[in-house]
């Protein structure tokens, strides 16, 4: 899947499906900041120098909450991606 122009909700769907990695999350966070999106968690993601999933994952989950995205089931995540 191409990551250019991916929305946070689409990224969250990939995260739910365990198909998004720490480095990818940080790259996406930087893209979203450049488009004018800003939250505290997004800012935190942009500063991660060694994006280990156990750290980045929890920050990303906070970002999803800050953006008021409702939790997705694996089926909903799959439907969003396809």
N, C-alpha and C. Protein backbone atom coordinates (compact mmCIF):
# COMPACT_ATOMS: atom_id res chain seq x y z
N UNK A 1 0.84 -1.18 0.00
CA UNK A 1 0.00 0.00 0.00
C UNK A 1 0.89 1.24 0.00
N UNK A 2 0.50 2.21 -0.79
CA UNK A 2 1.23 3.47 -0.83
C UNK A 2 0.87 4.31 0.38
N UNK A 3 1.85 4.98 0.95
CA UNK A 3 1.63 5.76 2.15
C UNK A 3 1.47 7.24 1.87
N UNK A 4 1.73 7.67 0.65
CA UNK A 4 1.58 9.08 0.33
C UNK A 4 0.10 9.44 0.37
N UNK A 5 -0.21 10.53 1.05
CA UNK A 5 -1.58 11.03 1.17
C UNK A 5 -2.50 10.09 1.96
N UNK A 6 -1.95 9.23 2.78
CA UNK A 6 -2.77 8.36 3.61
C UNK A 6 -3.33 9.15 4.78
N UNK A 7 -4.61 8.99 5.02
CA UNK A 7 -5.24 9.69 6.14
C UNK A 7 -4.92 8.98 7.45
N UNK A 8 -5.05 9.68 8.56
CA UNK A 8 -4.85 9.02 9.86
C UNK A 8 -5.79 7.84 10.07
N UNK A 9 -7.00 7.94 9.57
CA UNK A 9 -7.95 6.83 9.74
C UNK A 9 -7.51 5.60 8.95
N UNK A 10 -7.01 5.82 7.75
CA UNK A 10 -6.49 4.70 6.95
C UNK A 10 -5.27 4.08 7.63
N UNK A 11 -4.41 4.92 8.17
CA UNK A 11 -3.24 4.41 8.89
C UNK A 11 -3.67 3.62 10.12
N UNK A 12 -4.69 4.10 10.80
CA UNK A 12 -5.21 3.39 11.97
C UNK A 12 -5.73 2.02 11.57
N UNK A 13 -6.39 1.93 10.41
CA UNK A 13 -6.88 0.64 9.93
C UNK A 13 -5.71 -0.33 9.71
N UNK A 14 -4.65 0.15 9.10
CA UNK A 14 -3.47 -0.70 8.91
C UNK A 14 -2.86 -1.10 10.26
N UNK A 15 -2.86 -0.18 11.20
CA UNK A 15 -2.34 -0.45 12.54
C UNK A 15 -3.15 -1.57 13.20
N UNK A 16 -4.46 -1.50 13.08
CA UNK A 16 -5.33 -2.54 13.64
C UNK A 16 -5.02 -3.90 13.01
N UNK A 17 -4.67 -3.89 11.74
CA UNK A 17 -4.38 -5.13 11.01
C UNK A 17 -2.91 -5.56 11.15
N UNK A 18 -2.18 -4.88 12.03
CA UNK A 18 -0.75 -5.17 12.26
C UNK A 18 0.07 -5.07 10.97
N UNK A 19 -0.26 -4.08 10.15
CA UNK A 19 0.44 -3.90 8.89
C UNK A 19 1.05 -2.50 8.78
N UNK A 20 1.36 -1.90 9.92
CA UNK A 20 1.97 -0.59 9.95
C UNK A 20 3.09 -0.64 10.99
N UNK A 21 4.25 -0.17 10.62
CA UNK A 21 5.43 -0.27 11.47
C UNK A 21 5.82 1.09 12.03
N UNK A 22 6.65 1.08 13.04
CA UNK A 22 7.06 2.29 13.73
C UNK A 22 7.62 3.37 12.82
N UNK A 23 8.53 2.99 11.94
CA UNK A 23 9.12 3.96 11.02
C UNK A 23 8.07 4.57 10.10
N UNK A 24 7.13 3.75 9.66
CA UNK A 24 6.07 4.24 8.78
C UNK A 24 5.18 5.24 9.52
N UNK A 25 4.88 4.95 10.78
CA UNK A 25 4.05 5.86 11.57
C UNK A 25 4.73 7.22 11.70
N UNK A 26 6.01 7.23 11.97
CA UNK A 26 6.74 8.49 12.12
C UNK A 26 6.77 9.25 10.79
N UNK A 27 6.98 8.56 9.68
CA UNK A 27 6.97 9.22 8.37
C UNK A 27 5.60 9.82 8.08
N UNK A 28 4.55 9.08 8.39
CA UNK A 28 3.20 9.60 8.18
C UNK A 28 2.94 10.81 9.07
N UNK A 29 3.39 10.74 10.32
CA UNK A 29 3.21 11.86 11.24
C UNK A 29 3.86 13.12 10.69
N UNK A 30 5.04 12.98 10.14
CA UNK A 30 5.71 14.14 9.54
C UNK A 30 4.94 14.68 8.34
N UNK A 31 4.36 13.79 7.52
CA UNK A 31 3.55 14.23 6.39
C UNK A 31 2.32 15.00 6.88
N UNK A 32 1.66 14.47 7.91
CA UNK A 32 0.44 15.11 8.41
C UNK A 32 0.75 16.48 9.01
N UNK A 33 1.87 16.60 9.71
CA UNK A 33 2.27 17.91 10.25
C UNK A 33 2.46 18.92 9.11
N UNK A 34 3.08 18.47 8.03
CA UNK A 34 3.32 19.36 6.89
C UNK A 34 2.03 19.82 6.21
N UNK A 35 0.95 19.05 6.38
CA UNK A 35 -0.34 19.44 5.78
C UNK A 35 -1.13 20.35 6.72
N UNK A 36 -0.59 20.60 7.92
CA UNK A 36 -1.27 21.50 8.84
C UNK A 36 -2.00 20.82 9.97
N UNK A 37 -2.02 19.50 9.99
CA UNK A 37 -2.64 18.78 11.10
C UNK A 37 -1.73 18.86 12.31
N UNK A 38 -2.29 19.08 13.49
CA UNK A 38 -1.46 19.14 14.68
C UNK A 38 -2.22 18.66 15.90
N UNK A 39 -1.59 17.77 16.66
CA UNK A 39 -2.02 17.39 18.00
C UNK A 39 -0.74 17.17 18.80
N UNK A 40 -0.88 17.09 20.10
CA UNK A 40 0.30 16.83 20.93
C UNK A 40 0.94 15.49 20.59
N UNK A 41 0.12 14.47 20.41
CA UNK A 41 0.66 13.14 20.09
C UNK A 41 1.35 13.13 18.72
N UNK A 42 0.78 13.83 17.78
CA UNK A 42 1.40 13.92 16.46
C UNK A 42 2.77 14.57 16.56
N UNK A 43 2.86 15.62 17.35
CA UNK A 43 4.14 16.28 17.59
C UNK A 43 5.13 15.31 18.24
N UNK A 44 4.67 14.54 19.21
CA UNK A 44 5.54 13.55 19.86
C UNK A 44 6.06 12.53 18.87
N UNK A 45 5.20 12.07 17.97
CA UNK A 45 5.61 11.09 16.96
C UNK A 45 6.70 11.64 16.06
N UNK A 46 6.59 12.89 15.70
CA UNK A 46 7.57 13.50 14.80
C UNK A 46 8.96 13.57 15.41
N UNK A 47 9.04 13.59 16.72
CA UNK A 47 10.33 13.69 17.41
C UNK A 47 10.96 12.34 17.73
N UNK A 48 10.28 11.25 17.43
CA UNK A 48 10.83 9.92 17.71
C UNK A 48 12.02 9.64 16.80
N UNK A 49 13.17 9.42 17.40
CA UNK A 49 14.40 9.17 16.62
C UNK A 49 14.59 7.69 16.32
N UNK A 50 14.17 6.83 17.23
CA UNK A 50 14.25 5.39 17.02
C UNK A 50 12.86 4.81 17.27
N UNK A 51 12.05 4.79 16.22
CA UNK A 51 10.63 4.46 16.38
C UNK A 51 10.34 2.98 16.64
N UNK A 52 10.53 2.58 17.86
CA UNK A 52 10.18 1.22 18.25
C UNK A 52 8.66 1.14 18.43
N UNK A 53 8.07 0.08 17.93
CA UNK A 53 6.62 -0.02 17.91
C UNK A 53 6.01 0.02 19.31
N UNK A 54 6.69 -0.51 20.31
CA UNK A 54 6.12 -0.51 21.65
C UNK A 54 5.99 0.91 22.21
N UNK A 55 6.76 1.85 21.70
CA UNK A 55 6.64 3.25 22.11
C UNK A 55 5.72 3.99 21.15
N UNK A 56 6.00 3.88 19.87
CA UNK A 56 5.26 4.61 18.85
C UNK A 56 3.79 4.16 18.81
N UNK A 57 3.55 2.89 19.03
CA UNK A 57 2.17 2.37 19.00
C UNK A 57 1.27 3.06 20.00
N UNK A 58 1.73 3.22 21.23
CA UNK A 58 0.89 3.86 22.24
C UNK A 58 0.67 5.34 21.93
N UNK A 59 1.69 6.00 21.40
CA UNK A 59 1.53 7.41 21.02
C UNK A 59 0.53 7.51 19.86
N UNK A 60 0.62 6.58 18.91
CA UNK A 60 -0.30 6.58 17.78
C UNK A 60 -1.74 6.35 18.25
N UNK A 61 -1.92 5.47 19.21
CA UNK A 61 -3.26 5.23 19.76
C UNK A 61 -3.81 6.51 20.41
N UNK A 62 -2.95 7.26 21.08
CA UNK A 62 -3.37 8.55 21.65
C UNK A 62 -3.75 9.53 20.55
N UNK A 63 -2.98 9.53 19.46
CA UNK A 63 -3.30 10.39 18.33
C UNK A 63 -4.69 10.09 17.79
N UNK A 64 -5.00 8.82 17.64
CA UNK A 64 -6.31 8.41 17.13
C UNK A 64 -7.41 8.96 18.03
N UNK A 65 -7.21 8.88 19.34
CA UNK A 65 -8.20 9.42 20.29
C UNK A 65 -8.30 10.94 20.16
N UNK A 66 -7.16 11.61 20.02
CA UNK A 66 -7.17 13.07 19.88
C UNK A 66 -7.91 13.53 18.63
N UNK A 67 -7.89 12.70 17.60
CA UNK A 67 -8.58 13.03 16.34
C UNK A 67 -10.04 12.57 16.35
N UNK A 68 -10.48 12.05 17.49
CA UNK A 68 -11.87 11.59 17.66
C UNK A 68 -12.27 10.49 16.70
N UNK A 69 -11.31 9.65 16.32
CA UNK A 69 -11.64 8.48 15.51
C UNK A 69 -12.14 7.38 16.43
N UNK A 70 -13.26 6.80 16.08
CA UNK A 70 -13.79 5.72 16.90
C UNK A 70 -13.00 4.44 16.65
N UNK A 71 -12.94 3.58 17.65
CA UNK A 71 -12.21 2.31 17.48
C UNK A 71 -12.78 1.49 16.32
N UNK A 72 -11.89 0.79 15.64
CA UNK A 72 -12.28 -0.06 14.52
C UNK A 72 -12.11 -1.52 14.89
N UNK A 73 -13.02 -2.35 14.43
CA UNK A 73 -12.81 -3.79 14.52
C UNK A 73 -11.90 -4.19 13.36
N UNK A 74 -11.40 -5.41 13.40
CA UNK A 74 -10.55 -5.87 12.30
C UNK A 74 -11.34 -5.91 10.99
N UNK A 75 -12.61 -6.24 11.06
CA UNK A 75 -13.45 -6.28 9.85
C UNK A 75 -13.64 -4.87 9.30
N UNK A 76 -13.93 -3.91 10.16
CA UNK A 76 -14.08 -2.52 9.73
C UNK A 76 -12.77 -1.99 9.13
N UNK A 77 -11.65 -2.34 9.76
CA UNK A 77 -10.35 -1.92 9.25
C UNK A 77 -10.10 -2.50 7.86
N UNK A 78 -10.42 -3.75 7.68
CA UNK A 78 -10.23 -4.40 6.38
C UNK A 78 -11.09 -3.73 5.32
N UNK A 79 -12.35 -3.46 5.65
CA UNK A 79 -13.26 -2.82 4.70
C UNK A 79 -12.79 -1.40 4.33
N UNK A 80 -12.18 -0.72 5.27
CA UNK A 80 -11.68 0.62 5.00
C UNK A 80 -10.51 0.60 4.02
N UNK A 81 -9.68 -0.42 4.13
CA UNK A 81 -8.47 -0.52 3.31
C UNK A 81 -8.76 -1.01 1.90
N UNK A 82 -9.73 -1.92 1.76
CA UNK A 82 -9.98 -2.46 0.41
C UNK A 82 -10.91 -1.61 -0.40
